[in-house]
Amino acid sequence: MAQAAAVARQPRAGRRRTGADPRRLPYLLIAPAGLLMLGFIAYPVLSVFYYSLQHYNVTKPWKNGYAGLDNFTRAFTEDPLFWSTLVFSAKWVVVQVGLQLALGLVLALLVNQTFVGRGIARALVFSPWAVSGVLTTTIWMLLYNPSTGISRYLADVGVGTYGTSVLSDTGTVFWAAVLAELWRGVPFFAILILADLQSIPKDLYEAASVDGASRLRQFLHITLPHLKDAIILSTLLRAVWEFNNVDLLYTLTGGGPAGVTTTLPLMIANTGIEGHDFGYASALTTVAFVILLFCSILYLRLSKFGGDRR
């Protein structure tokens, strides 16, 4: 009997030795997609690093060749536009992310309440997020038009003067662009925060009410701690996106007037596409990449993302 059982087990054992390990199957299935993603991501990144060390201007091919760190030296010591765009980029990110977070949190708290027409209100709040940057620019350019936009109707009631364009005034263009981007960006925070709000157990609020905690104390000690990771992740993502924002500023202001709304990515686009200096544009892109990587790691470390919520 024992000998027969051993013989019966032999084919099965043989199949296990000769067959593929089932634990490898998931990796084999995702390997083609993983290789494609690696190619589409790694190749452009490595190309940028390579061209950042080259003189590569398609309009001056006789000057093309190895540059070493010349492009980086030019950015940090010879190009004053680099520093002004970097400062404006930081200002743009801080203002945008701060205002979008505050307004998005308020909207999420409002639409999380129970009231008649809540579904319609949520749809209206979230709808700007589905609008592209170029279409957003078109809407706000019509609103800012000095002949047919808001400024004309404000002038009719005595606020401002006729023919005033907020996009051509260096004193108002920044906040005009901020308002347009806020309209598109606030729903992003509202969506993520609302999703996390709905995961908070209602029992916590009921227990806090029984203990006599006010609405403010409930918000500070229950709501905010539970929203910590959602806020950290959303602010990080939005900061990266706002830093790389090109479509809205390029189509709304073109970086003007007088270059006061030119961000570093917009400068990179102008340098590469309009100036055809791809070597210098690649060096600026590398600098932007290092800045974003360093700030992201520092932010996650300081915020203790994923840590204990208590």
C-alpha atoms as a PDB file:
ATOM      1  CA  MET A   1       0.000   0.000   0.000  1.00  0.00           C
ATOM      2  CA  ALA A   2       2.762   2.448   0.890  1.00  0.00           C
ATOM      3  CA  GLN A   3       4.598   1.634  -2.326  1.00  0.00           C
ATOM      4  CA  ALA A   4       1.455   2.236  -4.408  1.00  0.00           C
ATOM      5  CA  ALA A   5       0.837   5.576  -2.718  1.00  0.00           C
ATOM      6  CA  ALA A   6       4.422   6.647  -3.452  1.00  0.00           C
ATOM      7  CA  VAL A   7       4.033   5.706  -7.098  1.00  0.00           C
ATOM      8  CA  ALA A   8       0.764   7.650  -7.303  1.00  0.00           C
ATOM      9  CA  ARG A   9       2.449  10.755  -5.928  1.00  0.00           C
ATOM     10  CA  GLN A  10       5.320  10.705  -8.385  1.00  0.00           C
ATOM     11  CA  PRO A  11       3.510  12.215 -11.444  1.00  0.00           C
ATOM     12  CA  ARG A  12       2.089  15.008  -9.343  1.00  0.00           C
ATOM     13  CA  ALA A  13       5.482  15.818  -7.890  1.00  0.00           C
ATOM     14  CA  GLY A  14       6.972  15.720 -11.357  1.00  0.00           C
ATOM     15  CA  ARG A  15       4.410  18.222 -12.587  1.00  0.00           C
ATOM     16  CA  ARG A  16       5.276  20.542  -9.743  1.00  0.00           C
ATOM     17  CA  ARG A  17       8.940  20.388 -10.646  1.00  0.00           C
ATOM     18  CA  THR A  18       8.472  20.929 -14.364  1.00  0.00           C
ATOM     19  CA  GLY A  19       5.533  23.402 -14.248  1.00  0.00           C
ATOM     20  CA  ALA A  20       5.801  27.170 -13.738  1.00  0.00           C
ATOM     21  CA  ASP A  21       5.715  28.520 -10.216  1.00  0.00           C
ATOM     22  CA  PRO A  22       2.198  29.982  -9.718  1.00  0.00           C
ATOM     23  CA  ARG A  23       3.671  32.727  -7.580  1.00  0.00           C
ATOM     24  CA  ARG A  24       5.451  34.104 -10.649  1.00  0.00           C
ATOM     25  CA  LEU A  25       2.334  34.236 -12.785  1.00  0.00           C
ATOM     26  CA  PRO A  26       1.111  37.707 -11.596  1.00  0.00           C
ATOM     27  CA  TYR A  27       4.524  39.208 -12.339  1.00  0.00           C
ATOM     28  CA  LEU A  28       4.594  37.619 -15.792  1.00  0.00           C
ATOM     29  CA  LEU A  29       1.148  39.023 -16.561  1.00  0.00           C
ATOM     30  CA  ILE A  30       2.036  42.591 -15.589  1.00  0.00           C
ATOM     31  CA  ALA A  31       5.531  42.455 -17.118  1.00  0.00           C
ATOM     32  CA  PRO A  32       4.495  43.769 -20.592  1.00  0.00           C
ATOM     33  CA  ALA A  33       2.661  46.759 -19.110  1.00  0.00           C
ATOM     34  CA  GLY A  34       5.514  47.361 -16.679  1.00  0.00           C
ATOM     35  CA  LEU A  35       8.094  47.345 -19.471  1.00  0.00           C
ATOM     36  CA  LEU A  36       6.002  49.782 -21.531  1.00  0.00           C
ATOM     37  CA  MET A  37       5.652  52.139 -18.561  1.00  0.00           C
ATOM     38  CA  LEU A  38       9.363  51.883 -17.862  1.00  0.00           C
ATOM     39  CA  GLY A  39      10.132  52.753 -21.472  1.00  0.00           C
ATOM     40  CA  PHE A  40       7.731  55.695 -21.614  1.00  0.00           C
ATOM     41  CA  ILE A  41       8.957  57.100 -18.289  1.00  0.00           C
ATOM     42  CA  ALA A  42      12.619  56.138 -18.042  1.00  0.00           C
ATOM     43  CA  TYR A  43      13.632  57.049 -21.595  1.00  0.00           C
ATOM     44  CA  PRO A  44      12.341  60.679 -21.481  1.00  0.00           C
ATOM     45  CA  VAL A  45      13.852  61.219 -18.024  1.00  0.00           C
ATOM     46  CA  LEU A  46      17.245  59.868 -19.062  1.00  0.00           C
ATOM     47  CA  SER A  47      17.081  61.894 -22.281  1.00  0.00           C
ATOM     48  CA  VAL A  48      16.512  65.085 -20.307  1.00  0.00           C
ATOM     49  CA  PHE A  49      19.468  64.313 -18.053  1.00  0.00           C
ATOM     50  CA  TYR A  50      21.628  63.640 -21.126  1.00  0.00           C
ATOM     51  CA  TYR A  51      20.664  66.798 -23.012  1.00  0.00           C
ATOM     52  CA  SER A  52      21.134  68.902 -19.882  1.00  0.00           C
ATOM     53  CA  LEU A  53      24.860  68.236 -20.302  1.00  0.00           C
ATOM     54  CA  GLN A  54      24.823  69.196 -23.977  1.00  0.00           C
ATOM     55  CA  HIS A  55      24.736  72.354 -26.066  1.00  0.00           C
ATOM     56  CA  TYR A  56      21.744  71.497 -28.237  1.00  0.00           C
ATOM     57  CA  ASN A  57      20.110  74.278 -30.216  1.00  0.00           C
ATOM     58  CA  VAL A  58      18.521  73.269 -33.509  1.00  0.00           C
ATOM     59  CA  THR A  59      18.994  76.785 -34.903  1.00  0.00           C
ATOM     60  CA  LYS A  60      22.743  76.741 -34.137  1.00  0.00           C
ATOM     61  CA  PRO A  61      23.901  73.201 -34.927  1.00  0.00           C
ATOM     62  CA  TRP A  62      27.543  74.285 -35.225  1.00  0.00           C
ATOM     63  CA  LYS A  63      27.565  74.984 -31.469  1.00  0.00           C
ATOM     64  CA  ASN A  64      26.087  71.624 -30.450  1.00  0.00           C
ATOM     65  CA  GLY A  65      28.242  69.331 -28.354  1.00  0.00           C
ATOM     66  CA  TYR A  66      29.200  68.388 -24.824  1.00  0.00           C
ATOM     67  CA  ALA A  67      28.648  71.269 -22.377  1.00  0.00           C
ATOM     68  CA  GLY A  68      29.330  69.702 -19.014  1.00  0.00           C
ATOM     69  CA  LEU A  69      27.834  71.882 -16.308  1.00  0.00           C
ATOM     70  CA  ASP A  70      27.759  75.034 -18.464  1.00  0.00           C
ATOM     71  CA  ASN A  71      23.959  75.021 -18.726  1.00  0.00           C
ATOM     72  CA  PHE A  72      23.597  74.815 -14.951  1.00  0.00           C
ATOM     73  CA  THR A  73      26.194  77.535 -14.438  1.00  0.00           C
ATOM     74  CA  ARG A  74      24.270  79.731 -16.857  1.00  0.00           C
ATOM     75  CA  ALA A  75      21.037  79.204 -14.924  1.00  0.00           C
ATOM     76  CA  PHE A  76      22.419  79.912 -11.467  1.00  0.00           C
ATOM     77  CA  THR A  77      24.872  82.701 -12.226  1.00  0.00           C
ATOM     78  CA  GLU A  78      24.056  84.306 -15.576  1.00  0.00           C
ATOM     79  CA  ASP A  79      20.297  84.205 -16.078  1.00  0.00           C
ATOM     80  CA  PRO A  80      18.323  86.566 -13.791  1.00  0.00           C
ATOM     81  CA  LEU A  81      15.069  85.309 -15.323  1.00  0.00           C
ATOM     82  CA  PHE A  82      15.684  81.900 -13.730  1.00  0.00           C
ATOM     83  CA  TRP A  83      15.597  83.308 -10.193  1.00  0.00           C
ATOM     84  CA  SER A  84      12.576  85.536 -10.816  1.00  0.00           C
ATOM     85  CA  THR A  85      10.587  82.644 -12.284  1.00  0.00           C
ATOM     86  CA  LEU A  86      11.626  80.380  -9.408  1.00  0.00           C
ATOM     87  CA  VAL A  87      10.431  82.926  -6.843  1.00  0.00           C
ATOM     88  CA  PHE A  88       7.155  83.416  -8.694  1.00  0.00           C
ATOM     89  CA  SER A  89       6.693  79.639  -8.944  1.00  0.00           C
ATOM     90  CA  ALA A  90       7.053  79.314  -5.165  1.00  0.00           C
ATOM     91  CA  LYS A  91       4.613  82.189  -4.604  1.00  0.00           C
ATOM     92  CA  TRP A  92       2.132  80.670  -7.066  1.00  0.00           C
ATOM     93  CA  VAL A  93       2.263  77.235  -5.411  1.00  0.00           C
ATOM     94  CA  VAL A  94       1.916  78.518  -1.839  1.00  0.00           C
ATOM     95  CA  VAL A  95      -1.012  80.836  -2.636  1.00  0.00           C
ATOM     96  CA  GLN A  96      -2.821  78.344  -4.835  1.00  0.00           C
ATOM     97  CA  VAL A  97      -2.457  75.291  -2.616  1.00  0.00           C
ATOM     98  CA  GLY A  98      -3.267  77.225   0.560  1.00  0.00           C
ATOM     99  CA  LEU A  99      -6.435  78.828  -0.821  1.00  0.00           C
ATOM    100  CA  GLN A 100      -7.553  75.672  -2.629  1.00  0.00           C
ATOM    101  CA  LEU A 101      -7.147  73.608   0.537  1.00  0.00           C
ATOM    102  CA  ALA A 102      -9.072  76.081   2.707  1.00  0.00           C
ATOM    103  CA  LEU A 103     -11.935  76.533   0.244  1.00  0.00           C
ATOM    104  CA  GLY A 104     -12.020  72.838  -0.641  1.00  0.00           C
ATOM    105  CA  LEU A 105     -12.274  71.894   3.030  1.00  0.00           C
ATOM    106  CA  VAL A 106     -15.146  74.327   3.541  1.00  0.00           C
ATOM    107  CA  LEU A 107     -17.002  73.025   0.479  1.00  0.00           C
ATOM    108  CA  ALA A 108     -16.461  69.399   1.514  1.00  0.00           C
ATOM    109  CA  LEU A 109     -17.865  70.082   4.984  1.00  0.00           C
ATOM    110  CA  LEU A 110     -20.884  71.849   3.482  1.00  0.00           C
ATOM    111  CA  VAL A 111     -21.821  69.191   0.919  1.00  0.00           C
ATOM    112  CA  ASN A 112     -21.250  66.468   3.518  1.00  0.00           C
ATOM    113  CA  GLN A 113     -24.296  67.743   5.416  1.00  0.00           C
ATOM    114  CA  THR A 114     -27.766  66.367   4.760  1.00  0.00           C
ATOM    115  CA  PHE A 115     -30.047  68.808   2.931  1.00  0.00           C
ATOM    116  CA  VAL A 116     -32.478  68.893   0.037  1.00  0.00           C
ATOM    117  CA  GLY A 117     -30.715  68.988  -3.326  1.00  0.00           C
ATOM    118  CA  ARG A 118     -27.394  67.739  -1.966  1.00  0.00           C
ATOM    119  CA  GLY A 119     -26.727  65.670  -5.100  1.00  0.00           C
ATOM    120  CA  ILE A 120     -27.176  68.677  -7.368  1.00  0.00           C
ATOM    121  CA  ALA A 121     -24.996  70.806  -5.089  1.00  0.00           C
ATOM    122  CA  ARG A 122     -22.214  68.204  -5.195  1.00  0.00           C
ATOM    123  CA  ALA A 123     -22.408  68.028  -8.982  1.00  0.00           C
ATOM    124  CA  LEU A 124     -22.124  71.818  -9.254  1.00  0.00           C
ATOM    125  CA  VAL A 125     -19.190  71.908  -6.826  1.00  0.00           C
ATOM    126  CA  PHE A 126     -17.272  69.148  -8.600  1.00  0.00           C
ATOM    127  CA  SER A 127     -18.033  70.142 -12.215  1.00  0.00           C
ATOM    128  CA  PRO A 128     -15.141  72.656 -12.701  1.00  0.00           C
ATOM    129  CA  TRP A 129     -12.644  69.840 -12.102  1.00  0.00           C
ATOM    130  CA  ALA A 130     -13.809  68.203 -15.345  1.00  0.00           C
ATOM    131  CA  VAL A 131     -13.007  71.318 -17.396  1.00  0.00           C
ATOM    132  CA  SER A 132      -9.659  71.402 -19.209  1.00  0.00           C
ATOM    133  CA  GLY A 133      -7.121  74.143 -18.596  1.00  0.00           C
ATOM    134  CA  VAL A 134      -7.521  75.688 -22.049  1.00  0.00           C
ATOM    135  CA  LEU A 135     -11.323  75.750 -21.751  1.00  0.00           C
ATOM    136  CA  THR A 136     -11.006  77.256 -18.277  1.00  0.00           C
ATOM    137  CA  THR A 137      -8.813  79.964 -19.764  1.00  0.00           C
ATOM    138  CA  THR A 138     -11.384  80.682 -22.479  1.00  0.00           C
ATOM    139  CA  ILE A 139     -14.142  81.093 -19.888  1.00  0.00           C
ATOM    140  CA  TRP A 140     -12.112  83.457 -17.737  1.00  0.00           C
ATOM    141  CA  MET A 141     -10.777  85.458 -20.659  1.00  0.00           C
ATOM    142  CA  LEU A 142     -14.389  86.153 -21.608  1.00  0.00           C
ATOM    143  CA  LEU A 143     -15.111  87.159 -18.022  1.00  0.00           C
ATOM    144  CA  TYR A 144     -12.058  89.437 -17.923  1.00  0.00           C
ATOM    145  CA  ASN A 145     -12.730  90.967 -21.340  1.00  0.00           C
ATOM    146  CA  PRO A 146     -12.771  94.777 -20.840  1.00  0.00           C
ATOM    147  CA  SER A 147     -15.548  95.245 -23.395  1.00  0.00           C
ATOM    148  CA  THR A 148     -17.959  92.415 -22.587  1.00  0.00           C
ATOM    149  CA  GLY A 149     -16.768  91.005 -19.264  1.00  0.00           C
ATOM    150  CA  ILE A 150     -17.227  91.734 -15.582  1.00  0.00           C
ATOM    151  CA  SER A 151     -15.207  94.952 -15.606  1.00  0.00           C
ATOM    152  CA  ARG A 152     -17.710  96.599 -17.955  1.00  0.00           C
ATOM    153  CA  TYR A 153     -20.636  95.881 -15.646  1.00  0.00           C
ATOM    154  CA  LEU A 154     -18.625  96.983 -12.620  1.00  0.00           C
ATOM    155  CA  ALA A 155     -17.867 100.241 -14.418  1.00  0.00           C
ATOM    156  CA  ASP A 156     -21.606 100.684 -15.046  1.00  0.00           C
ATOM    157  CA  VAL A 157     -22.176 100.808 -11.282  1.00  0.00           C
ATOM    158  CA  GLY A 158     -19.198 103.066 -10.640  1.00  0.00           C
ATOM    159  CA  VAL A 159     -16.571 100.454  -9.713  1.00  0.00           C
ATOM    160  CA  GLY A 160     -13.485 100.884 -11.870  1.00  0.00           C
ATOM    161  CA  THR A 161     -13.264 102.474 -15.299  1.00  0.00           C
ATOM    162  CA  TYR A 162     -14.296 101.361 -18.763  1.00  0.00           C
ATOM    163  CA  GLY A 163     -11.704  99.548 -20.829  1.00  0.00           C
ATOM    164  CA  THR A 164      -9.765  98.289 -17.807  1.00  0.00           C
ATOM    165  CA  SER A 165      -8.112  94.900 -18.371  1.00  0.00           C
ATOM    166  CA  VAL A 166      -7.004  93.062 -15.239  1.00  0.00           C
ATOM    167  CA  LEU A 167      -4.789  90.810 -17.365  1.00  0.00           C
ATOM    168  CA  SER A 168      -2.680  93.687 -18.694  1.00  0.00           C
ATOM    169  CA  ASP A 169      -2.099  95.370 -15.327  1.00  0.00           C
ATOM    170  CA  THR A 170       0.905  94.079 -13.374  1.00  0.00           C
ATOM    171  CA  GLY A 171      -0.892  94.928 -10.133  1.00  0.00           C
ATOM    172  CA  THR A 172      -3.969  92.782 -10.806  1.00  0.00           C
ATOM    173  CA  VAL A 173      -2.883  90.040 -13.213  1.00  0.00           C
ATOM    174  CA  PHE A 174      -1.583  87.731 -10.471  1.00  0.00           C
ATOM    175  CA  TRP A 175      -4.839  87.648  -8.537  1.00  0.00           C
ATOM    176  CA  ALA A 176      -6.832  87.400 -11.758  1.00  0.00           C
ATOM    177  CA  ALA A 177      -4.877  84.250 -12.648  1.00  0.00           C
ATOM    178  CA  VAL A 178      -5.203  82.955  -9.077  1.00  0.00           C
ATOM    179  CA  LEU A 179      -8.987  83.320  -9.201  1.00  0.00           C
ATOM    180  CA  ALA A 180      -9.218  81.435 -12.498  1.00  0.00           C
ATOM    181  CA  GLU A 181      -7.087  78.561 -11.202  1.00  0.00           C
ATOM    182  CA  LEU A 182      -8.988  78.474  -7.906  1.00  0.00           C
ATOM    183  CA  TRP A 183     -12.212  77.875  -9.807  1.00  0.00           C
ATOM    184  CA  ARG A 184     -10.665  74.782 -11.374  1.00  0.00           C
ATOM    185  CA  GLY A 185      -8.574  73.525  -8.454  1.00  0.00           C
ATOM    186  CA  VAL A 186     -10.860  73.823  -5.425  1.00  0.00           C
ATOM    187  CA  PRO A 187     -13.075  70.848  -6.473  1.00  0.00           C
ATOM    188  CA  PHE A 188     -10.016  68.571  -6.372  1.00  0.00           C
ATOM    189  CA  PHE A 189      -9.621  69.126  -2.637  1.00  0.00           C
ATOM    190  CA  ALA A 190     -13.371  69.000  -2.084  1.00  0.00           C
ATOM    191  CA  ILE A 191     -13.628  65.578  -3.754  1.00  0.00           C
ATOM    192  CA  LEU A 192     -10.759  63.969  -1.817  1.00  0.00           C
ATOM    193  CA  ILE A 193     -11.718  65.476   1.534  1.00  0.00           C
ATOM    194  CA  LEU A 194     -15.397  64.575   1.101  1.00  0.00           C
ATOM    195  CA  ALA A 195     -14.464  60.962   0.365  1.00  0.00           C
ATOM    196  CA  ASP A 196     -12.441  60.820   3.587  1.00  0.00           C
ATOM    197  CA  LEU A 197     -15.149  62.576   5.593  1.00  0.00           C
ATOM    198  CA  GLN A 198     -17.606  59.842   4.719  1.00  0.00           C
ATOM    199  CA  SER A 199     -15.268  57.207   6.181  1.00  0.00           C
ATOM    200  CA  ILE A 200     -15.289  58.746   9.672  1.00  0.00           C
ATOM    201  CA  PRO A 201     -17.490  56.661  12.022  1.00  0.00           C
ATOM    202  CA  LYS A 202     -20.589  58.568  13.164  1.00  0.00           C
ATOM    203  CA  ASP A 203     -20.251  56.956  16.593  1.00  0.00           C
ATOM    204  CA  LEU A 204     -17.296  59.218  17.363  1.00  0.00           C
ATOM    205  CA  TYR A 205     -19.385  62.356  16.885  1.00  0.00           C
ATOM    206  CA  GLU A 206     -22.259  60.911  18.902  1.00  0.00           C
ATOM    207  CA  ALA A 207     -19.947  60.008  21.781  1.00  0.00           C
ATOM    208  CA  ALA A 208     -18.361  63.458  21.661  1.00  0.00           C
ATOM    209  CA  SER A 209     -21.799  65.118  21.743  1.00  0.00           C
ATOM    210  CA  VAL A 210     -22.773  63.061  24.780  1.00  0.00           C
ATOM    211  CA  ASP A 211     -19.573  64.209  26.488  1.00  0.00           C
ATOM    212  CA  GLY A 212     -20.510  67.816  25.773  1.00  0.00           C
ATOM    213  CA  ALA A 213     -17.932  68.564  23.070  1.00  0.00           C
ATOM    214  CA  SER A 214     -18.773  71.565  20.897  1.00  0.00           C
ATOM    215  CA  ARG A 215     -18.827  71.436  17.094  1.00  0.00           C
ATOM    216  CA  LEU A 216     -15.472  73.194  17.021  1.00  0.00           C
ATOM    217  CA  ARG A 217     -13.859  70.688  19.383  1.00  0.00           C
ATOM    218  CA  GLN A 218     -15.323  67.819  17.361  1.00  0.00           C
ATOM    219  CA  PHE A 219     -13.823  69.299  14.214  1.00  0.00           C
ATOM    220  CA  LEU A 220     -10.392  69.826  15.809  1.00  0.00           C
ATOM    221  CA  HIS A 221     -10.134  66.499  17.640  1.00  0.00           C
ATOM    222  CA  ILE A 222     -12.097  64.115  15.399  1.00  0.00           C
ATOM    223  CA  THR A 223     -12.428  65.478  11.870  1.00  0.00           C
ATOM    224  CA  LEU A 224      -8.994  66.984  11.298  1.00  0.00           C
ATOM    225  CA  PRO A 225      -6.995  64.014  12.700  1.00  0.00           C
ATOM    226  CA  HIS A 226      -8.910  61.664  10.403  1.00  0.00           C
ATOM    227  CA  LEU A 227      -8.350  63.968   7.433  1.00  0.00           C
ATOM    228  CA  LYS A 228      -4.609  64.271   8.065  1.00  0.00           C
ATOM    229  CA  ASP A 229      -3.397  61.771   5.452  1.00  0.00           C
ATOM    230  CA  ALA A 230      -5.920  62.940   2.842  1.00  0.00           C
ATOM    231  CA  ILE A 231      -4.840  66.557   3.343  1.00  0.00           C
ATOM    232  CA  ILE A 232      -1.132  65.716   3.184  1.00  0.00           C
ATOM    233  CA  LEU A 233      -1.509  63.643   0.016  1.00  0.00           C
ATOM    234  CA  SER A 234      -3.810  66.110  -1.751  1.00  0.00           C
ATOM    235  CA  THR A 235      -1.623  69.123  -0.934  1.00  0.00           C
ATOM    236  CA  LEU A 236       1.489  67.303  -2.157  1.00  0.00           C
ATOM    237  CA  LEU A 237      -0.140  66.257  -5.425  1.00  0.00           C
ATOM    238  CA  ARG A 238      -1.646  69.676  -5.995  1.00  0.00           C
ATOM    239  CA  ALA A 239       1.627  71.445  -5.192  1.00  0.00           C
ATOM    240  CA  VAL A 240       3.432  69.376  -7.830  1.00  0.00           C
ATOM    241  CA  TRP A 241       0.667  70.019 -10.366  1.00  0.00           C
ATOM    242  CA  GLU A 242       0.569  73.743  -9.663  1.00  0.00           C
ATOM    243  CA  PHE A 243       4.342  74.011  -9.896  1.00  0.00           C
ATOM    244  CA  ASN A 244       4.147  72.350 -13.325  1.00  0.00           C
ATOM    245  CA  ASN A 245       1.146  74.430 -14.385  1.00  0.00           C
ATOM    246  CA  VAL A 246       1.679  75.651 -17.931  1.00  0.00           C
ATOM    247  CA  ASP A 247      -1.634  75.435 -19.800  1.00  0.00           C
ATOM    248  CA  LEU A 248      -3.629  78.028 -17.857  1.00  0.00           C
ATOM    249  CA  LEU A 249      -0.889  80.636 -17.439  1.00  0.00           C
ATOM    250  CA  TYR A 250       0.367  80.194 -20.994  1.00  0.00           C
ATOM    251  CA  THR A 251      -3.056  80.685 -22.544  1.00  0.00           C
ATOM    252  CA  LEU A 252      -4.337  83.275 -20.045  1.00  0.00           C
ATOM    253  CA  THR A 253      -1.361  85.610 -19.654  1.00  0.00           C
ATOM    254  CA  GLY A 254       1.453  84.131 -21.756  1.00  0.00           C
ATOM    255  CA  GLY A 255       3.732  84.820 -18.794  1.00  0.00           C
ATOM    256  CA  GLY A 256       3.068  88.544 -19.009  1.00  0.00           C
ATOM    257  CA  PRO A 257       2.686  91.362 -18.654  1.00  0.00           C
ATOM    258  CA  ALA A 258       6.431  92.057 -18.501  1.00  0.00           C
ATOM    259  CA  GLY A 259       7.052  88.445 -17.476  1.00  0.00           C
ATOM    260  CA  VAL A 260       5.507  88.845 -14.001  1.00  0.00           C
ATOM    261  CA  THR A 261       3.473  85.625 -14.315  1.00  0.00           C
ATOM    262  CA  THR A 262       6.201  83.445 -15.800  1.00  0.00           C
ATOM    263  CA  THR A 263       6.760  80.265 -13.810  1.00  0.00           C
ATOM    264  CA  LEU A 264       9.813  78.045 -14.164  1.00  0.00           C
ATOM    265  CA  PRO A 265       7.965  75.403 -16.271  1.00  0.00           C
ATOM    266  CA  LEU A 266       6.627  78.175 -18.502  1.00  0.00           C
ATOM    267  CA  MET A 267      10.163  79.503 -18.910  1.00  0.00           C
ATOM    268  CA  ILE A 268      11.291  75.974 -19.811  1.00  0.00           C
ATOM    269  CA  ALA A 269       8.548  75.688 -22.436  1.00  0.00           C
ATOM    270  CA  ASN A 270       9.464  79.052 -23.944  1.00  0.00           C
ATOM    271  CA  THR A 271      13.172  78.227 -23.937  1.00  0.00           C
ATOM    272  CA  GLY A 272      12.717  74.888 -25.645  1.00  0.00           C
ATOM    273  CA  ILE A 273       9.793  75.491 -27.993  1.00  0.00           C
ATOM    274  CA  GLU A 274      10.242  79.128 -28.931  1.00  0.00           C
ATOM    275  CA  GLY A 275      13.982  79.519 -28.337  1.00  0.00           C
ATOM    276  CA  HIS A 276      14.884  76.024 -29.658  1.00  0.00           C
ATOM    277  CA  ASP A 277      17.554  75.786 -26.931  1.00  0.00           C
ATOM    278  CA  PHE A 278      16.803  72.250 -25.794  1.00  0.00           C
ATOM    279  CA  GLY A 279      20.062  71.824 -23.918  1.00  0.00           C
ATOM    280  CA  TYR A 280      19.396  74.762 -21.598  1.00  0.00           C
ATOM    281  CA  ALA A 281      15.706  73.804 -21.306  1.00  0.00           C
ATOM    282  CA  SER A 282      16.741  70.280 -20.264  1.00  0.00           C
ATOM    283  CA  ALA A 283      19.053  71.716 -17.600  1.00  0.00           C
ATOM    284  CA  LEU A 284      16.219  73.847 -16.236  1.00  0.00           C
ATOM    285  CA  THR A 285      13.962  70.774 -16.242  1.00  0.00           C
ATOM    286  CA  THR A 286      16.566  68.835 -14.284  1.00  0.00           C
ATOM    287  CA  VAL A 287      16.748  71.633 -11.710  1.00  0.00           C
ATOM    288  CA  ALA A 288      12.938  71.654 -11.423  1.00  0.00           C
ATOM    289  CA  PHE A 289      12.944  67.862 -10.992  1.00  0.00           C
ATOM    290  CA  VAL A 290      15.494  68.023  -8.162  1.00  0.00           C
ATOM    291  CA  ILE A 291      13.578  70.832  -6.439  1.00  0.00           C
ATOM    292  CA  LEU A 292      10.281  68.925  -6.571  1.00  0.00           C
ATOM    293  CA  LEU A 293      11.906  65.674  -5.416  1.00  0.00           C
ATOM    294  CA  PHE A 294      13.645  67.339  -2.468  1.00  0.00           C
ATOM    295  CA  CYS A 295      10.565  69.310  -1.394  1.00  0.00           C
ATOM    296  CA  SER A 296       8.308  66.247  -1.688  1.00  0.00           C
ATOM    297  CA  ILE A 297      10.563  64.065   0.463  1.00  0.00           C
ATOM    298  CA  LEU A 298      11.016  66.847   3.031  1.00  0.00           C
ATOM    299  CA  TYR A 299       7.271  67.507   3.172  1.00  0.00           C
ATOM    300  CA  LEU A 300       6.416  63.834   3.688  1.00  0.00           C
ATOM    301  CA  ARG A 301       9.049  63.518   6.398  1.00  0.00           C
ATOM    302  CA  LEU A 302       7.958  66.633   8.281  1.00  0.00           C
ATOM    303  CA  SER A 303       4.242  65.819   7.990  1.00  0.00           C
ATOM    304  CA  LYS A 304       4.787  62.178   9.088  1.00  0.00           C
ATOM    305  CA  PHE A 305       2.522  60.931   6.308  1.00  0.00           C
ATOM    306  CA  GLY A 306       0.971  57.548   7.104  1.00  0.00           C
ATOM    307  CA  GLY A 307       1.824  57.790  10.810  1.00  0.00           C
ATOM    308  CA  ASP A 308      -0.417  57.434  13.842  1.00  0.00           C
ATOM    309  CA  ARG A 309      -3.402  59.812  13.705  1.00  0.00           C
ATOM    310  CA  ARG A 310      -3.593  60.275  17.436  1.00  0.00           C
END
